[in-house]
Amino acid sequence: MRRASALALLALLASPALALADDEPRGEVPQAKVLLSAVPGAPVELHAQLAAQLAGESTSVASALTTVQGKLTAADAARTRRARSAARVLHTPPAGDAPDADRLASARRAAAARLLLARDAGERGLLSDELARLRTAAARIATEAAAVAAVVAPTELAWPVKGTVARKYGSFEHEHSKAQLSRRGLDLEVEDHAQVVAPADGIVRYAGPIRGLDAGVIIDAGPYLVVVAKLADPAMPVGTEVHKGDGIGRAARHRVYLEVRVALGAGGLPIDPETVLPHDGAAGKPKRRATR
């Protein structure tokens, strides 16, 4: 994957709608229904999950397209009515012997008519632009859906740190707000300031702050991207070639975040890291479970 994909992923990670930070409920959250199997690299289940994600996106875009198209149709109808009214105003000037007050009123009506026409044109332009963006998104999703069958699951990943899975991948209900949120990676419970290593060979495309995740690195591993975050200070600068097991920093506290995305679209699509990692777990439990 290219640097642009890593930067697109960084923008996604920074989205306030993405539930990643430590304001999530404490303790383990029930895992959402995930279509990936427990066998690393199983292509059918991986493809089914990716297809389901894209189908969800497609449904959302189709709904938005219907809404925006309806607004545009209504705006065109209203604009036509106002254009007819404006034409009557603009093409009916006051009589030559009309008093000054009538001329002033006529000028005000003409100015108001022009203002309404300009406002309508601006609103229609915004709706047209949004419709174009949605159609582009629909085409992109269709292209990505057609490419799902060629996606190969990562098989060479390693756990980045010794610990246990504290928060799982998938959708969940927030403990307090009851809102449906989505966690696109794993939170690993680790020893305070534990050493963290690269889970795959690749190139560091980003190293620095990530909203809600302290600091982290994005590693371009070719057909997929790996995000390792909640680090105190990433040890690898951008552009560094890393190998699986190389030290990349230390945990900022007692949690490390891990996310894996396959190369579909800008920033990739997330998959459940547990299904493509070794089944011996994150090399055991930490010596103690810190609280925060």
C-alpha atoms as a PDB file:
ATOM      1  CA  MET A   1       0.000   0.000   0.000  1.00  0.00           C
ATOM      2  CA  ARG A   2       1.184   3.556  -0.604  1.00  0.00           C
ATOM      3  CA  ARG A   3       1.842   6.421   1.789  1.00  0.00           C
ATOM      4  CA  ALA A   4      -1.443   8.010   0.673  1.00  0.00           C
ATOM      5  CA  SER A   5      -3.335   4.995   2.017  1.00  0.00           C
ATOM      6  CA  ALA A   6      -1.613   5.341   5.374  1.00  0.00           C
ATOM      7  CA  LEU A   7      -2.499   9.042   5.515  1.00  0.00           C
ATOM      8  CA  ALA A   8      -6.103   8.238   4.601  1.00  0.00           C
ATOM      9  CA  LEU A   9      -6.135   5.712   7.436  1.00  0.00           C
ATOM     10  CA  LEU A  10      -4.774   8.336   9.818  1.00  0.00           C
ATOM     11  CA  ALA A  11      -7.700  10.591   8.894  1.00  0.00           C
ATOM     12  CA  LEU A  12     -10.109   7.729   9.638  1.00  0.00           C
ATOM     13  CA  LEU A  13      -8.463   7.071  12.988  1.00  0.00           C
ATOM     14  CA  ALA A  14      -8.864  10.749  13.855  1.00  0.00           C
ATOM     15  CA  SER A  15     -12.612  10.654  13.184  1.00  0.00           C
ATOM     16  CA  PRO A  16     -14.619  11.511  16.344  1.00  0.00           C
ATOM     17  CA  ALA A  17     -17.213   8.917  15.318  1.00  0.00           C
ATOM     18  CA  LEU A  18     -14.665   6.138  15.701  1.00  0.00           C
ATOM     19  CA  ALA A  19     -14.727   4.561  19.140  1.00  0.00           C
ATOM     20  CA  LEU A  20     -11.117   3.944  20.039  1.00  0.00           C
ATOM     21  CA  ALA A  21     -10.195   5.960  23.059  1.00  0.00           C
ATOM     22  CA  ASP A  22     -10.233   5.046  26.738  1.00  0.00           C
ATOM     23  CA  ASP A  23     -13.657   6.550  27.361  1.00  0.00           C
ATOM     24  CA  GLU A  24     -15.058   3.149  26.370  1.00  0.00           C
ATOM     25  CA  PRO A  25     -16.557   0.908  29.071  1.00  0.00           C
ATOM     26  CA  ARG A  26     -13.981  -0.695  31.314  1.00  0.00           C
ATOM     27  CA  GLY A  27     -13.397  -4.387  31.222  1.00  0.00           C
ATOM     28  CA  GLU A  28     -14.112  -6.749  28.377  1.00  0.00           C
ATOM     29  CA  VAL A  29     -16.919  -5.797  26.016  1.00  0.00           C
ATOM     30  CA  PRO A  30     -19.052  -8.539  24.434  1.00  0.00           C
ATOM     31  CA  GLN A  31     -17.727  -9.152  20.949  1.00  0.00           C
ATOM     32  CA  ALA A  32     -19.962  -8.382  18.017  1.00  0.00           C
ATOM     33  CA  LYS A  33     -20.885 -11.089  15.568  1.00  0.00           C
ATOM     34  CA  VAL A  34     -17.876 -11.400  13.278  1.00  0.00           C
ATOM     35  CA  LEU A  35     -17.815 -13.411  10.086  1.00  0.00           C
ATOM     36  CA  LEU A  36     -14.131 -14.254  10.158  1.00  0.00           C
ATOM     37  CA  SER A  37     -13.435 -17.843  11.169  1.00  0.00           C
ATOM     38  CA  ALA A  38     -10.983 -18.903  13.857  1.00  0.00           C
ATOM     39  CA  VAL A  39      -8.626 -20.273  11.217  1.00  0.00           C
ATOM     40  CA  PRO A  40      -6.023 -17.724  10.098  1.00  0.00           C
ATOM     41  CA  GLY A  41      -6.165 -16.958   6.406  1.00  0.00           C
ATOM     42  CA  ALA A  42      -9.513 -18.664   5.765  1.00  0.00           C
ATOM     43  CA  PRO A  43     -10.516 -16.835   2.545  1.00  0.00           C
ATOM     44  CA  VAL A  44     -14.255 -17.498   2.479  1.00  0.00           C
ATOM     45  CA  GLU A  45     -14.939 -16.000   5.922  1.00  0.00           C
ATOM     46  CA  LEU A  46     -12.616 -13.083   5.321  1.00  0.00           C
ATOM     47  CA  HIS A  47     -14.315 -12.314   2.027  1.00  0.00           C
ATOM     48  CA  ALA A  48     -17.728 -12.568   3.666  1.00  0.00           C
ATOM     49  CA  GLN A  49     -16.787 -10.038   6.326  1.00  0.00           C
ATOM     50  CA  LEU A  50     -15.337  -7.588   3.845  1.00  0.00           C
ATOM     51  CA  ALA A  51     -18.369  -7.999   1.590  1.00  0.00           C
ATOM     52  CA  ALA A  52     -20.645  -7.327   4.566  1.00  0.00           C
ATOM     53  CA  GLN A  53     -18.749  -4.127   5.412  1.00  0.00           C
ATOM     54  CA  LEU A  54     -19.002  -2.901   1.837  1.00  0.00           C
ATOM     55  CA  ALA A  55     -22.670  -3.879   1.647  1.00  0.00           C
ATOM     56  CA  GLY A  56     -23.308  -1.759   4.739  1.00  0.00           C
ATOM     57  CA  GLU A  57     -21.486   1.169   3.176  1.00  0.00           C
ATOM     58  CA  SER A  58     -23.421   0.680  -0.050  1.00  0.00           C
ATOM     59  CA  THR A  59     -26.741   0.725   1.805  1.00  0.00           C
ATOM     60  CA  SER A  60     -25.802   3.932   3.619  1.00  0.00           C
ATOM     61  CA  VAL A  61     -24.691   5.628   0.405  1.00  0.00           C
ATOM     62  CA  ALA A  62     -27.825   4.496  -1.445  1.00  0.00           C
ATOM     63  CA  SER A  63     -30.002   5.920   1.324  1.00  0.00           C
ATOM     64  CA  ALA A  64     -28.100   9.206   1.227  1.00  0.00           C
ATOM     65  CA  LEU A  65     -28.406   9.312  -2.559  1.00  0.00           C
ATOM     66  CA  THR A  66     -32.186   8.945  -2.317  1.00  0.00           C
ATOM     67  CA  THR A  67     -32.375  11.703   0.295  1.00  0.00           C
ATOM     68  CA  VAL A  68     -30.166  14.149  -1.601  1.00  0.00           C
ATOM     69  CA  GLN A  69     -31.886  13.437  -4.903  1.00  0.00           C
ATOM     70  CA  GLY A  70     -35.238  14.151  -3.246  1.00  0.00           C
ATOM     71  CA  LYS A  71     -33.941  17.424  -1.832  1.00  0.00           C
ATOM     72  CA  LEU A  72     -32.544  18.388  -5.226  1.00  0.00           C
ATOM     73  CA  THR A  73     -35.863  17.659  -6.952  1.00  0.00           C
ATOM     74  CA  ALA A  74     -37.725  19.746  -4.350  1.00  0.00           C
ATOM     75  CA  ALA A  75     -35.171  22.546  -4.656  1.00  0.00           C
ATOM     76  CA  ASP A  76     -35.550  22.587  -8.450  1.00  0.00           C
ATOM     77  CA  ALA A  77     -39.334  22.824  -8.139  1.00  0.00           C
ATOM     78  CA  ALA A  78     -39.097  25.690  -5.633  1.00  0.00           C
ATOM     79  CA  ARG A  79     -36.454  27.403  -7.755  1.00  0.00           C
ATOM     80  CA  THR A  80     -38.690  27.233 -10.822  1.00  0.00           C
ATOM     81  CA  ARG A  81     -41.574  28.854  -8.943  1.00  0.00           C
ATOM     82  CA  ARG A  82     -39.349  31.602  -7.568  1.00  0.00           C
ATOM     83  CA  ALA A  83     -37.734  32.183 -10.963  1.00  0.00           C
ATOM     84  CA  ARG A  84     -41.152  32.799 -12.491  1.00  0.00           C
ATOM     85  CA  SER A  85     -42.061  35.241  -9.733  1.00  0.00           C
ATOM     86  CA  ALA A  86     -38.685  36.959 -10.046  1.00  0.00           C
ATOM     87  CA  ALA A  87     -39.112  37.282 -13.796  1.00  0.00           C
ATOM     88  CA  ARG A  88     -42.379  39.115 -13.307  1.00  0.00           C
ATOM     89  CA  VAL A  89     -40.747  41.475 -10.828  1.00  0.00           C
ATOM     90  CA  LEU A  90     -37.627  42.074 -12.895  1.00  0.00           C
ATOM     91  CA  HIS A  91     -39.500  42.563 -16.153  1.00  0.00           C
ATOM     92  CA  THR A  92     -42.149  44.907 -14.750  1.00  0.00           C
ATOM     93  CA  PRO A  93     -40.347  48.179 -14.050  1.00  0.00           C
ATOM     94  CA  PRO A  94     -42.230  51.091 -12.565  1.00  0.00           C
ATOM     95  CA  ALA A  95     -43.909  53.527 -14.899  1.00  0.00           C
ATOM     96  CA  GLY A  96     -41.879  56.467 -16.055  1.00  0.00           C
ATOM     97  CA  ASP A  97     -44.004  58.915 -14.033  1.00  0.00           C
ATOM     98  CA  ALA A  98     -44.072  56.707 -10.911  1.00  0.00           C
ATOM     99  CA  PRO A  99     -43.274  58.539  -7.677  1.00  0.00           C
ATOM    100  CA  ASP A 100     -39.898  58.013  -6.033  1.00  0.00           C
ATOM    101  CA  ALA A 101     -41.394  55.834  -3.298  1.00  0.00           C
ATOM    102  CA  ASP A 102     -42.771  53.393  -5.879  1.00  0.00           C
ATOM    103  CA  ARG A 103     -39.457  53.340  -7.723  1.00  0.00           C
ATOM    104  CA  LEU A 104     -37.617  52.595  -4.464  1.00  0.00           C
ATOM    105  CA  ALA A 105     -40.053  49.796  -3.589  1.00  0.00           C
ATOM    106  CA  SER A 106     -39.649  48.321  -7.066  1.00  0.00           C
ATOM    107  CA  ALA A 107     -35.862  48.424  -6.747  1.00  0.00           C
ATOM    108  CA  ARG A 108     -36.063  46.644  -3.396  1.00  0.00           C
ATOM    109  CA  ARG A 109     -38.304  43.933  -4.849  1.00  0.00           C
ATOM    110  CA  ALA A 110     -35.890  43.443  -7.748  1.00  0.00           C
ATOM    111  CA  ALA A 111     -32.915  43.199  -5.374  1.00  0.00           C
ATOM    112  CA  ALA A 112     -34.774  40.687  -3.207  1.00  0.00           C
ATOM    113  CA  ALA A 113     -35.680  38.616  -6.270  1.00  0.00           C
ATOM    114  CA  ARG A 114     -32.046  38.539  -7.428  1.00  0.00           C
ATOM    115  CA  LEU A 115     -30.909  37.591  -3.908  1.00  0.00           C
ATOM    116  CA  LEU A 116     -33.376  34.684  -3.769  1.00  0.00           C
ATOM    117  CA  LEU A 117     -32.306  33.456  -7.195  1.00  0.00           C
ATOM    118  CA  ALA A 118     -28.628  33.562  -6.176  1.00  0.00           C
ATOM    119  CA  ARG A 119     -29.389  31.745  -2.914  1.00  0.00           C
ATOM    120  CA  ASP A 120     -31.354  29.062  -4.748  1.00  0.00           C
ATOM    121  CA  ALA A 121     -28.522  28.598  -7.252  1.00  0.00           C
ATOM    122  CA  GLY A 122     -26.023  28.236  -4.400  1.00  0.00           C
ATOM    123  CA  GLU A 123     -28.151  25.670  -2.570  1.00  0.00           C
ATOM    124  CA  ARG A 124     -28.674  23.703  -5.757  1.00  0.00           C
ATOM    125  CA  GLY A 125     -24.934  23.745  -6.388  1.00  0.00           C
ATOM    126  CA  LEU A 126     -24.265  22.297  -2.925  1.00  0.00           C
ATOM    127  CA  LEU A 127     -26.828  19.545  -3.448  1.00  0.00           C
ATOM    128  CA  SER A 128     -25.447  18.760  -6.904  1.00  0.00           C
ATOM    129  CA  ASP A 129     -21.915  18.517  -5.507  1.00  0.00           C
ATOM    130  CA  GLU A 130     -23.087  16.206  -2.723  1.00  0.00           C
ATOM    131  CA  LEU A 131     -24.937  14.047  -5.233  1.00  0.00           C
ATOM    132  CA  ALA A 132     -21.780  13.777  -7.351  1.00  0.00           C
ATOM    133  CA  ARG A 133     -19.705  12.787  -4.304  1.00  0.00           C
ATOM    134  CA  LEU A 134     -22.225  10.128  -3.345  1.00  0.00           C
ATOM    135  CA  ARG A 135     -22.271   8.697  -6.871  1.00  0.00           C
ATOM    136  CA  THR A 136     -18.477   8.588  -6.813  1.00  0.00           C
ATOM    137  CA  ALA A 137     -18.625   6.790  -3.462  1.00  0.00           C
ATOM    138  CA  ALA A 138     -21.142   4.287  -4.816  1.00  0.00           C
ATOM    139  CA  ALA A 139     -18.872   3.568  -7.789  1.00  0.00           C
ATOM    140  CA  ARG A 140     -15.870   3.177  -5.489  1.00  0.00           C
ATOM    141  CA  ILE A 141     -17.718   0.721  -3.253  1.00  0.00           C
ATOM    142  CA  ALA A 142     -18.818  -1.308  -6.280  1.00  0.00           C
ATOM    143  CA  THR A 143     -15.208  -1.454  -7.501  1.00  0.00           C
ATOM    144  CA  GLU A 144     -13.968  -2.532  -4.074  1.00  0.00           C
ATOM    145  CA  ALA A 145     -16.718  -5.154  -3.769  1.00  0.00           C
ATOM    146  CA  ALA A 146     -15.597  -6.650  -7.077  1.00  0.00           C
ATOM    147  CA  ALA A 147     -12.028  -6.847  -5.730  1.00  0.00           C
ATOM    148  CA  VAL A 148     -12.913  -8.646  -2.483  1.00  0.00           C
ATOM    149  CA  ALA A 149     -12.374 -12.100  -3.961  1.00  0.00           C
ATOM    150  CA  ALA A 150      -8.708 -11.283  -4.625  1.00  0.00           C
ATOM    151  CA  VAL A 151      -7.952 -10.247  -1.034  1.00  0.00           C
ATOM    152  CA  VAL A 152      -5.620 -12.597   0.826  1.00  0.00           C
ATOM    153  CA  ALA A 153      -5.677 -12.689   4.626  1.00  0.00           C
ATOM    154  CA  PRO A 154      -2.431 -11.811   6.420  1.00  0.00           C
ATOM    155  CA  THR A 155      -0.696 -14.981   7.641  1.00  0.00           C
ATOM    156  CA  GLU A 156       2.632 -13.730   8.981  1.00  0.00           C
ATOM    157  CA  LEU A 157       1.456 -11.419  11.767  1.00  0.00           C
ATOM    158  CA  ALA A 158       2.798 -11.628  15.319  1.00  0.00           C
ATOM    159  CA  TRP A 159       1.448 -10.186  18.559  1.00  0.00           C
ATOM    160  CA  PRO A 160       3.115  -6.823  19.218  1.00  0.00           C
ATOM    161  CA  VAL A 161       3.338  -7.247  22.986  1.00  0.00           C
ATOM    162  CA  LYS A 162       2.878  -9.746  25.812  1.00  0.00           C
ATOM    163  CA  GLY A 163      -0.571  -9.449  27.371  1.00  0.00           C
ATOM    164  CA  THR A 164      -4.245 -10.368  27.085  1.00  0.00           C
ATOM    165  CA  VAL A 165      -7.131  -9.096  24.966  1.00  0.00           C
ATOM    166  CA  ALA A 166      -9.079  -6.602  27.096  1.00  0.00           C
ATOM    167  CA  ARG A 167     -11.367  -5.181  24.422  1.00  0.00           C
ATOM    168  CA  LYS A 168     -12.361  -7.039  21.308  1.00  0.00           C
ATOM    169  CA  TYR A 169     -12.968  -6.021  17.719  1.00  0.00           C
ATOM    170  CA  GLY A 170     -16.517  -5.306  16.561  1.00  0.00           C
ATOM    171  CA  SER A 171     -19.679  -3.387  17.357  1.00  0.00           C
ATOM    172  CA  PHE A 172     -20.786  -2.844  20.917  1.00  0.00           C
ATOM    173  CA  GLU A 173     -23.218  -0.803  22.994  1.00  0.00           C
ATOM    174  CA  HIS A 174     -21.683   1.958  25.099  1.00  0.00           C
ATOM    175  CA  GLU A 175     -22.194   1.278  28.776  1.00  0.00           C
ATOM    176  CA  HIS A 176     -23.570   4.723  29.613  1.00  0.00           C
ATOM    177  CA  SER A 177     -24.927   6.316  26.429  1.00  0.00           C
ATOM    178  CA  LYS A 178     -26.252   3.023  24.974  1.00  0.00           C
ATOM    179  CA  ALA A 179     -25.026   4.246  21.595  1.00  0.00           C
ATOM    180  CA  GLN A 180     -23.921   1.621  19.079  1.00  0.00           C
ATOM    181  CA  LEU A 181     -20.198   2.093  18.507  1.00  0.00           C
ATOM    182  CA  SER A 182     -17.586   0.271  16.481  1.00  0.00           C
ATOM    183  CA  ARG A 183     -14.145  -0.810  17.651  1.00  0.00           C
ATOM    184  CA  ARG A 184     -11.953  -1.605  14.682  1.00  0.00           C
ATOM    185  CA  GLY A 185      -9.077  -3.182  16.525  1.00  0.00           C
ATOM    186  CA  LEU A 186      -8.022  -4.797  19.813  1.00  0.00           C
ATOM    187  CA  ASP A 187      -7.046  -3.317  23.152  1.00  0.00           C
ATOM    188  CA  LEU A 188      -4.375  -5.452  24.801  1.00  0.00           C
ATOM    189  CA  GLU A 189      -3.863  -5.386  28.567  1.00  0.00           C
ATOM    190  CA  VAL A 190      -0.116  -5.307  29.185  1.00  0.00           C
ATOM    191  CA  GLU A 191       2.420  -4.533  31.878  1.00  0.00           C
ATOM    192  CA  ASP A 192       2.915  -0.820  32.502  1.00  0.00           C
ATOM    193  CA  HIS A 193       5.175   0.621  29.806  1.00  0.00           C
ATOM    194  CA  ALA A 194       5.761  -2.799  28.249  1.00  0.00           C
ATOM    195  CA  GLN A 195       8.108  -3.105  25.287  1.00  0.00           C
ATOM    196  CA  VAL A 196       6.175  -3.169  21.981  1.00  0.00           C
ATOM    197  CA  VAL A 197       7.476  -4.744  18.766  1.00  0.00           C
ATOM    198  CA  ALA A 198       6.533  -4.614  15.099  1.00  0.00           C
ATOM    199  CA  PRO A 199       3.949  -7.323  14.324  1.00  0.00           C
ATOM    200  CA  ALA A 200       4.993  -7.531  10.662  1.00  0.00           C
ATOM    201  CA  ASP A 201       7.708  -6.624   8.178  1.00  0.00           C
ATOM    202  CA  GLY A 202       7.074  -3.333   6.438  1.00  0.00           C
ATOM    203  CA  ILE A 203       7.687   0.404   6.150  1.00  0.00           C
ATOM    204  CA  VAL A 204       6.713   2.928   8.821  1.00  0.00           C
ATOM    205  CA  ARG A 205       4.330   5.308   7.053  1.00  0.00           C
ATOM    206  CA  TYR A 206       3.363   7.354  10.107  1.00  0.00           C
ATOM    207  CA  ALA A 207       4.712   7.764  13.637  1.00  0.00           C
ATOM    208  CA  GLY A 208       3.199  10.258  16.041  1.00  0.00           C
ATOM    209  CA  PRO A 209       0.008  11.306  17.829  1.00  0.00           C
ATOM    210  CA  ILE A 210      -3.269   9.590  16.957  1.00  0.00           C
ATOM    211  CA  ARG A 211      -6.486  11.044  18.338  1.00  0.00           C
ATOM    212  CA  GLY A 212      -7.686   9.055  21.353  1.00  0.00           C
ATOM    213  CA  LEU A 213      -4.782   6.614  21.091  1.00  0.00           C
ATOM    214  CA  ASP A 214      -1.836   8.549  22.543  1.00  0.00           C
ATOM    215  CA  ALA A 215       0.904   7.962  19.939  1.00  0.00           C
ATOM    216  CA  GLY A 216       1.302   5.173  17.439  1.00  0.00           C
ATOM    217  CA  VAL A 217       2.785   3.884  14.218  1.00  0.00           C
ATOM    218  CA  ILE A 218       1.220   2.799  10.936  1.00  0.00           C
ATOM    219  CA  ILE A 219       3.212   0.045   9.229  1.00  0.00           C
ATOM    220  CA  ASP A 220       2.727  -0.603   5.527  1.00  0.00           C
ATOM    221  CA  ALA A 221       3.074  -4.372   5.163  1.00  0.00           C
ATOM    222  CA  GLY A 222       2.231  -4.461   1.466  1.00  0.00           C
ATOM    223  CA  PRO A 223      -1.236  -6.008   1.103  1.00  0.00           C
ATOM    224  CA  TYR A 224      -2.292  -4.680   4.503  1.00  0.00           C
ATOM    225  CA  LEU A 225      -1.665  -1.908   7.043  1.00  0.00           C
ATOM    226  CA  VAL A 226      -1.009  -2.430  10.742  1.00  0.00           C
ATOM    227  CA  VAL A 227      -1.709   0.215  13.390  1.00  0.00           C
ATOM    228  CA  VAL A 228       0.007  -0.137  16.774  1.00  0.00           C
ATOM    229  CA  ALA A 229      -0.938   2.637  19.190  1.00  0.00           C
ATOM    230  CA  LYS A 230      -1.250   3.782  22.807  1.00  0.00           C
ATOM    231  CA  LEU A 231       2.512   4.119  22.787  1.00  0.00           C
ATOM    232  CA  ALA A 232       4.471   6.552  24.922  1.00  0.00           C
ATOM    233  CA  ASP A 233       6.889   7.575  22.193  1.00  0.00           C
ATOM    234  CA  PRO A 234       7.288   5.692  18.902  1.00  0.00           C
ATOM    235  CA  ALA A 235      10.920   4.719  18.384  1.00  0.00           C
ATOM    236  CA  MET A 236      10.753   4.444  14.597  1.00  0.00           C
ATOM    237  CA  PRO A 237      10.711   7.505  12.300  1.00  0.00           C
ATOM    238  CA  VAL A 238       8.675   7.630   9.118  1.00  0.00           C
ATOM    239  CA  GLY A 239      10.273   5.735   6.260  1.00  0.00           C
ATOM    240  CA  THR A 240      12.052   3.208   8.472  1.00  0.00           C
ATOM    241  CA  GLU A 241      12.032  -0.380   7.255  1.00  0.00           C
ATOM    242  CA  VAL A 242      11.065  -2.624  10.147  1.00  0.00           C
ATOM    243  CA  HIS A 243      11.081  -6.373  10.606  1.00  0.00           C
ATOM    244  CA  LYS A 244       8.734  -8.461  12.684  1.00  0.00           C
ATOM    245  CA  GLY A 245       9.947  -8.355  16.276  1.00  0.00           C
ATOM    246  CA  ASP A 246      11.830  -5.038  16.015  1.00  0.00           C
ATOM    247  CA  GLY A 247      11.184  -2.718  18.952  1.00  0.00           C
ATOM    248  CA  ILE A 248       8.947   0.201  18.010  1.00  0.00           C
ATOM    249  CA  GLY A 249       8.331   1.770  21.436  1.00  0.00           C
ATOM    250  CA  ARG A 250       6.762   1.214  24.833  1.00  0.00           C
ATOM    251  CA  ALA A 251       3.178   1.254  26.054  1.00  0.00           C
ATOM    252  CA  ALA A 252       2.099   4.685  27.308  1.00  0.00           C
ATOM    253  CA  ARG A 253       0.388   2.997  30.258  1.00  0.00           C
ATOM    254  CA  HIS A 254      -1.118  -0.480  30.517  1.00  0.00           C
ATOM    255  CA  ARG A 255      -2.880  -0.826  27.169  1.00  0.00           C
ATOM    256  CA  VAL A 256      -1.691  -1.293  23.578  1.00  0.00           C
ATOM    257  CA  TYR A 257      -4.023  -0.899  20.595  1.00  0.00           C
ATOM    258  CA  LEU A 258      -3.700  -3.101  17.502  1.00  0.00           C
ATOM    259  CA  GLU A 259      -5.571  -2.710  14.210  1.00  0.00           C
ATOM    260  CA  VAL A 260      -5.187  -4.536  10.888  1.00  0.00           C
ATOM    261  CA  ARG A 261      -6.573  -3.292   7.558  1.00  0.00           C
ATOM    262  CA  VAL A 262      -6.486  -5.069   4.213  1.00  0.00           C
ATOM    263  CA  ALA A 263      -5.786  -3.116   1.046  1.00  0.00           C
ATOM    264  CA  LEU A 264      -9.242  -2.129  -0.126  1.00  0.00           C
ATOM    265  CA  GLY A 265      -9.984   1.537  -0.716  1.00  0.00           C
ATOM    266  CA  ALA A 266      -8.386   4.609   0.822  1.00  0.00           C
ATOM    267  CA  GLY A 267      -7.117   3.589   4.232  1.00  0.00           C
ATOM    268  CA  GLY A 268      -8.144  -0.059   3.786  1.00  0.00           C
ATOM    269  CA  LEU A 269     -10.884  -2.071   5.491  1.00  0.00           C
ATOM    270  CA  PRO A 270     -10.447  -3.351   9.065  1.00  0.00           C
ATOM    271  CA  ILE A 271     -10.519  -7.031   9.963  1.00  0.00           C
ATOM    272  CA  ASP A 272     -10.516  -8.797  13.332  1.00  0.00           C
ATOM    273  CA  PRO A 273      -6.822  -9.114  14.268  1.00  0.00           C
ATOM    274  CA  GLU A 274      -7.469 -12.146  16.494  1.00  0.00           C
ATOM    275  CA  THR A 275      -8.401 -14.239  13.480  1.00  0.00           C
ATOM    276  CA  VAL A 276      -5.072 -13.664  11.701  1.00  0.00           C
ATOM    277  CA  LEU A 277      -2.727 -13.804  14.700  1.00  0.00           C
ATOM    278  CA  PRO A 278      -1.089 -16.886  16.242  1.00  0.00           C
ATOM    279  CA  HIS A 279      -3.470 -18.792  18.503  1.00  0.00           C
ATOM    280  CA  ASP A 280      -1.067 -18.895  21.425  1.00  0.00           C
ATOM    281  CA  GLY A 281      -2.386 -15.454  22.328  1.00  0.00           C
ATOM    282  CA  ALA A 282      -0.335 -12.370  23.088  1.00  0.00           C
ATOM    283  CA  ALA A 283       2.348 -14.527  24.732  1.00  0.00           C
ATOM    284  CA  GLY A 284       0.614 -14.733  28.108  1.00  0.00           C
ATOM    285  CA  LYS A 285      -0.874 -12.465  30.722  1.00  0.00           C
ATOM    286  CA  PRO A 286       0.850  -9.422  32.213  1.00  0.00           C
ATOM    287  CA  LYS A 287       2.091  -9.805  35.789  1.00  0.00           C
ATOM    288  CA  ARG A 288      -0.553  -7.467  37.131  1.00  0.00           C
ATOM    289  CA  ARG A 289      -3.594  -5.691  35.781  1.00  0.00           C
ATOM    290  CA  ALA A 290      -3.270  -1.982  36.212  1.00  0.00           C
ATOM    291  CA  THR A 291      -6.396   0.148  36.508  1.00  0.00           C
ATOM    292  CA  ARG A 292      -7.062   3.490  34.939  1.00  0.00           C
END
